[in-house]
Protein backbone atom coordinates (compact mmCIF):
# COMPACT_ATOMS: atom_id res chain seq x y z
CA MET A 1 73.29 106.58 152.84
CA ARG A 2 71.67 109.72 151.47
CA LYS A 3 69.65 109.54 148.26
CA LEU A 4 71.11 112.00 145.78
CA ASP A 5 69.80 114.00 142.83
CA ILE A 6 72.41 113.27 140.15
CA VAL A 7 72.59 114.89 136.72
CA PHE A 8 74.61 113.16 134.01
CA ASP A 9 75.64 114.68 130.73
CA MET A 10 74.76 112.38 127.85
CA ASP A 11 77.38 112.76 125.09
CA ASP A 12 80.73 111.28 126.12
CA VAL A 13 79.49 110.47 129.62
CA LEU A 14 76.75 107.96 128.81
CA TRP A 15 77.83 107.10 125.29
CA ASP A 16 80.84 107.49 123.04
CA LEU A 17 79.72 110.25 120.72
CA LEU A 18 83.24 111.58 120.15
CA GLY A 19 84.69 108.19 119.20
CA GLU A 20 82.02 107.58 116.57
CA TRP A 21 82.24 111.16 115.33
CA ILE A 22 86.01 110.93 114.84
CA ARG A 23 85.71 107.51 113.18
CA THR A 24 83.01 108.76 110.80
CA LEU A 25 84.91 111.92 109.87
CA ASN A 26 88.15 110.01 109.29
CA GLU A 27 86.38 107.43 107.13
CA THR A 28 84.41 110.02 105.14
CA HIS A 29 87.17 112.59 104.61
CA GLY A 30 90.37 110.52 104.67
CA THR A 31 91.68 112.22 107.79
CA SER A 32 93.62 110.46 110.56
CA VAL A 33 92.62 112.29 113.73
CA ALA A 34 92.82 110.34 117.01
CA ARG A 35 90.86 110.96 120.20
CA ASP A 36 94.00 112.29 121.90
CA ASP A 37 94.25 114.95 119.17
CA ILE A 38 91.07 116.59 120.47
CA THR A 39 92.74 118.77 123.10
CA VAL A 40 90.25 121.66 123.09
CA TRP A 41 86.46 121.75 123.10
CA ASP A 42 86.31 123.14 119.54
CA MET A 43 86.42 120.10 117.22
CA GLN A 44 87.16 122.35 114.25
CA GLN A 45 90.74 122.76 115.52
CA ALA A 46 91.40 119.03 115.16
CA PHE A 47 89.82 118.96 111.69
CA PRO A 48 91.04 122.27 110.17
CA THR A 49 90.55 121.13 106.57
CA LEU A 50 86.83 120.45 107.07
CA SER A 51 84.14 123.08 106.73
CA HIS A 52 81.63 123.62 109.52
CA ASP A 53 79.02 121.72 107.49
CA GLU A 54 81.38 118.80 106.82
CA LEU A 55 82.26 118.61 110.50
CA TYR A 56 78.67 118.59 111.78
CA THR A 57 76.87 116.68 109.01
CA PRO A 58 77.28 113.28 110.73
CA LEU A 59 75.37 114.55 113.77
CA LYS A 60 72.35 115.15 111.55
CA GLU A 61 72.17 111.58 110.24
CA ARG A 62 70.16 108.76 111.78
CA ASP A 63 72.66 106.06 110.77
CA PHE A 64 75.41 107.91 112.66
CA TRP A 65 73.39 107.85 115.88
CA GLU A 66 72.58 104.16 115.35
CA ARG A 67 76.33 103.44 115.57
CA VAL A 68 76.86 105.35 118.83
CA LYS A 69 77.33 102.94 121.75
CA PRO A 70 77.40 103.35 125.54
CA LEU A 71 80.72 103.93 127.27
CA ASP A 72 82.16 100.92 129.05
CA ASP A 73 80.19 100.13 132.21
CA ALA A 74 77.86 103.13 131.89
CA VAL A 75 74.69 101.03 131.66
CA ALA A 76 75.63 98.81 134.61
CA TYR A 77 76.59 101.70 136.90
CA ILE A 78 73.55 103.82 136.00
CA ASP A 79 71.42 100.78 136.83
CA LYS A 80 73.20 100.41 140.20
CA LEU A 81 72.64 104.07 141.05
CA VAL A 82 68.95 103.87 140.16
CA ASN A 83 68.57 100.65 142.18
CA LYS A 84 70.18 102.35 145.20
CA GLY A 85 67.37 104.88 145.08
CA HIS A 86 69.22 107.88 143.66
CA SER A 87 67.27 110.22 141.38
CA VAL A 88 69.13 110.12 138.07
CA TYR A 89 68.58 112.86 135.52
CA LEU A 90 70.17 113.36 132.13
CA CYS A 91 71.10 116.68 130.61
CA THR A 92 72.31 117.51 127.14
CA ALA A 93 73.19 120.65 125.27
CA THR A 94 72.14 119.66 121.79
CA ASP A 95 70.71 120.83 118.54
CA TYR A 96 66.96 120.31 118.61
CA ARG A 97 67.21 117.99 115.59
CA ASN A 98 69.26 115.50 117.64
CA ILE A 99 66.82 115.13 120.52
CA ALA A 100 64.88 112.30 118.86
CA TYR A 101 68.10 110.35 118.21
CA LYS A 102 69.17 110.76 121.83
CA VAL A 103 65.77 109.66 123.09
CA GLU A 104 66.11 106.50 120.98
CA LEU A 105 69.54 105.81 122.54
CA LEU A 106 68.11 106.34 126.02
CA LYS A 107 65.21 103.98 125.39
CA LYS A 108 67.55 101.35 123.93
CA TYR A 109 70.40 101.42 126.46
CA PHE A 110 69.07 103.22 129.56
CA PRO A 111 65.42 102.19 129.95
CA MET A 112 65.79 102.45 133.73
CA ILE A 113 65.71 106.25 133.42
CA PRO A 114 62.27 107.73 132.70
CA LEU A 115 62.30 110.02 129.67
CA LYS A 116 60.70 112.74 131.80
CA ARG A 117 64.09 113.00 133.52
CA MET A 118 65.81 114.19 130.35
CA ILE A 119 66.74 117.87 130.35
CA THR A 120 67.94 119.95 127.41
CA ALA A 121 69.98 122.96 128.49
CA TYR A 122 72.95 124.86 127.16
CA ASN A 123 73.58 126.52 130.51
CA LYS A 124 73.94 123.58 132.87
CA SER A 125 74.96 125.84 135.76
CA MET A 126 71.24 126.66 136.10
CA ILE A 127 70.44 123.09 137.15
CA ALA A 128 70.23 122.51 140.89
CA CYS A 129 71.36 119.06 142.01
CA ASP A 130 73.57 117.25 144.50
CA VAL A 131 75.99 115.93 141.86
CA ILE A 132 76.62 116.78 138.22
CA VAL A 133 78.82 114.65 135.95
CA ASP A 134 80.05 116.06 132.63
CA ASP A 135 83.00 115.84 130.26
CA GLY A 136 82.86 119.56 129.50
CA ALA A 137 84.67 121.47 132.23
CA HIS A 138 82.81 124.63 131.19
CA ASN A 139 79.54 122.87 132.12
CA LEU A 140 80.70 122.46 135.71
CA GLN A 141 80.75 126.14 136.61
CA GLY A 142 78.28 127.78 138.94
CA GLU A 143 76.95 127.03 142.37
CA ASN A 144 73.70 125.12 141.80
CA SER A 145 75.32 121.69 142.06
CA ARG A 146 77.20 120.89 145.23
CA TYR A 147 79.53 118.23 143.83
CA LYS A 148 81.02 118.26 140.37
CA ILE A 149 82.65 115.33 138.59
CA VAL A 150 84.46 115.76 135.28
CA LEU A 151 84.94 112.61 133.22
CA ASP A 152 88.52 112.85 132.03
CA ALA A 153 89.18 113.57 128.36
CA PRO A 154 92.08 115.17 126.45
CA TYR A 155 90.02 118.33 125.91
CA ASN A 156 89.23 118.97 129.59
CA GLN A 157 92.70 119.05 131.09
CA THR A 158 92.36 122.75 131.90
CA GLY A 159 89.45 124.73 133.30
CA PHE A 160 88.57 122.22 136.01
CA GLU A 161 90.69 122.03 139.11
CA GLU A 162 89.90 119.41 141.72
CA ASP A 163 89.62 120.84 145.20
CA GLY A 164 89.14 117.61 147.12
CA ALA A 165 85.84 118.62 148.71
CA PHE A 166 83.46 119.44 145.90
CA LYS A 167 85.23 118.78 142.58
CA PHE A 168 86.50 115.43 141.36
CA ARG A 169 88.09 114.01 138.22
CA ALA A 170 86.97 110.51 137.19
CA TYR A 171 88.80 108.38 134.64
CA ASN A 172 86.07 105.81 134.03
CA TRP A 173 82.63 104.74 135.22
CA ASN A 174 84.05 102.82 138.16
CA ASP A 175 85.56 106.10 139.41
CA ILE A 176 82.27 107.95 138.87
CA TYR A 177 80.37 105.34 140.86
CA ARG A 178 82.98 105.24 143.64
CA ILE A 179 82.92 109.05 144.02
CA ILE A 180 79.12 109.20 144.07
CA ASP A 181 78.99 106.37 146.61
CA TRP A 182 81.47 108.25 148.80
CA ILE A 183 79.35 111.43 148.55
CA ALA A 184 76.15 109.54 149.43
CA ASN A 185 77.78 107.99 152.48
CA ALA A 186 79.60 111.14 153.62
CA TYR A 187 76.41 112.81 154.85
């Protein structure tokens, strides 16, 4: 088995940012948007009655981030990958004001990943690695990562085509782990 350099997106790969964001917006503004209604990357389209400030205000509040929880099985599978000897890195495209909140989430739920392995980048195609896992299909462009895994979501149904050799679609953390294990053993 080959030891891999793996880069994981944080929001909606490690933890359920979108679920808490939708819940908070619905509760605050009396809307009734469901996760399946978010069919494009631009959240504003699912919440057309909200201003830009109303839409993004929750992301600036500490109590919002305290309610964000890991996705099912994310902690267990990250721990397995680390214990198998893979180098796990985390990457996020985020407003600088959110970095402290994300660091707190990492320390709380993913202490097995050293904070020095956290990367902030809006252009993830610049990151060289064996495997990159993201929910944003646009983040899986470029040639610096050999294998690309998109974590399925209603908003990433286009713009990411599996090709069987280097691109994969995962539907949950079990799929992510299974694909990475296959890659590590395929060498």
